[in-house]
Amino acid sequence: MSLCKPKTYRSDKFLRFVRTLPCCVCGSPETVAHHTERGMYGGGIGIKGSDLSGVPLCGYHHQALHTIGVNTFLEKYSVSIVEVNRNALMEYVKFLEGASK
């Protein structure tokens, strides 16, 4: 029996778009695209998730997330990564639809 390994989706264009969005914690315009590591669109413990899971974080908050851990970060800053990611995806679709007109 052969088990197929799922392919993790990669999109440089989406990640570039996420980097144009303000930090979802402080609103800083200088951001990186943080990949969720579990659950959303593939990934697992220690495995970078799909590029579709990207959320905008400034350098400070990106480092904080990795330092204090995801659960503590989400609780401390009252951020819903799922909601932020959903909004980023919806903005990207709007961007693409505008570009095609």
Protein backbone atom coordinates (compact mmCIF):
# COMPACT_ATOMS: atom_id res chain seq x y z
CA MET A 1 0.00 0.00 0.00
CA SER A 2 1.34 3.39 -0.99
CA LEU A 3 0.55 6.56 0.94
CA CYS A 4 0.72 9.78 -1.02
CA LYS A 5 2.48 12.63 0.69
CA PRO A 6 0.35 15.78 0.33
CA LYS A 7 2.04 18.63 -1.51
CA THR A 8 2.39 21.85 0.44
CA TYR A 9 1.12 24.77 -1.63
CA ARG A 10 3.66 27.51 -2.41
CA SER A 11 2.87 30.96 -3.78
CA ASP A 12 5.50 33.70 -3.88
CA LYS A 13 2.85 36.08 -5.24
CA PHE A 14 0.57 35.59 -2.23
CA LEU A 15 3.48 35.98 0.21
CA ARG A 16 4.53 39.23 -1.51
CA PHE A 17 0.94 40.44 -1.16
CA VAL A 18 0.85 39.51 2.57
CA ARG A 19 4.03 41.56 3.08
CA THR A 20 2.17 44.64 1.80
CA LEU A 21 -0.39 44.33 4.61
CA PRO A 22 0.14 45.96 8.02
CA CYS A 23 1.11 43.91 11.06
CA CYS A 24 -2.01 42.26 12.45
CA VAL A 25 -0.96 43.19 15.99
CA CYS A 26 0.44 46.74 15.90
CA GLY A 27 -0.33 48.00 12.37
CA SER A 28 3.33 48.53 11.39
CA PRO A 29 3.68 48.72 7.59
CA GLU A 30 6.97 46.77 7.63
CA THR A 31 5.98 43.10 7.74
CA VAL A 32 7.02 39.55 7.02
CA ALA A 33 4.67 36.73 6.06
CA HIS A 34 4.45 34.31 8.99
CA HIS A 35 3.53 30.75 8.05
CA THR A 36 1.33 28.86 10.46
CA GLU A 37 2.85 25.53 11.38
CA ARG A 38 -0.17 23.37 12.09
CA GLY A 39 -3.57 22.63 10.76
CA MET A 40 -4.24 25.26 8.14
CA TYR A 41 -3.56 24.09 4.57
CA GLY A 42 -1.04 21.43 5.52
CA GLY A 43 2.00 21.47 7.73
CA GLY A 44 2.62 19.93 11.11
CA ILE A 45 4.81 20.37 14.14
CA GLY A 46 8.07 21.84 12.88
CA ILE A 47 6.84 21.88 9.28
CA LYS A 48 6.19 25.17 7.53
CA GLY A 49 2.58 25.35 6.51
CA SER A 50 1.27 26.24 3.10
CA ASP A 51 1.98 29.72 1.80
CA LEU A 52 -1.80 30.20 1.85
CA SER A 53 -1.54 30.29 5.65
CA GLY A 54 0.58 33.46 5.59
CA VAL A 55 -0.28 36.31 7.97
CA PRO A 56 1.43 39.72 8.22
CA LEU A 57 3.58 40.34 11.30
CA CYS A 58 6.20 43.01 11.91
CA GLY A 59 9.67 41.77 12.81
CA TYR A 60 9.11 42.37 16.54
CA HIS A 61 5.84 40.44 16.72
CA HIS A 62 7.11 37.66 14.44
CA GLN A 63 10.06 37.13 16.76
CA ALA A 64 7.77 37.34 19.80
CA LEU A 65 5.51 34.64 18.36
CA HIS A 66 8.45 32.28 17.94
CA THR A 67 9.89 33.17 21.35
CA ILE A 68 6.79 32.82 23.55
CA GLY A 69 4.94 30.27 21.43
CA VAL A 70 1.79 30.46 19.38
CA ASN A 71 -0.76 29.87 22.14
CA THR A 72 0.77 32.43 24.53
CA PHE A 73 1.14 34.93 21.67
CA LEU A 74 -2.49 34.58 20.58
CA GLU A 75 -3.71 34.96 24.14
CA LYS A 76 -1.42 37.90 24.96
CA TYR A 77 -2.30 39.89 21.83
CA SER A 78 -5.90 38.68 21.37
CA VAL A 79 -5.23 37.80 17.74
CA SER A 80 -7.09 35.20 15.72
CA ILE A 81 -4.60 33.89 13.16
CA VAL A 82 -7.44 32.13 11.33
CA GLU A 83 -9.39 35.40 11.05
CA VAL A 84 -6.30 37.37 9.97
CA ASN A 85 -5.46 34.74 7.36
CA ARG A 86 -9.04 34.66 6.08
CA ASN A 87 -9.01 38.45 5.70
CA ALA A 88 -5.66 38.34 3.89
CA LEU A 89 -6.99 35.73 1.46
CA MET A 90 -10.14 37.79 0.82
CA GLU A 91 -8.05 40.94 0.20
CA TYR A 92 -5.83 38.98 -2.18
CA VAL A 93 -8.86 37.78 -4.17
CA LYS A 94 -10.11 41.39 -4.39
CA PHE A 95 -6.63 42.43 -5.56
CA LEU A 96 -6.60 39.73 -8.24
CA GLU A 97 -10.10 40.55 -9.39
CA GLY A 98 -9.17 44.24 -9.69
CA ALA A 99 -6.04 43.37 -11.66
CA SER A 100 -8.03 41.33 -14.17
CA LYS A 101 -10.34 44.20 -15.14
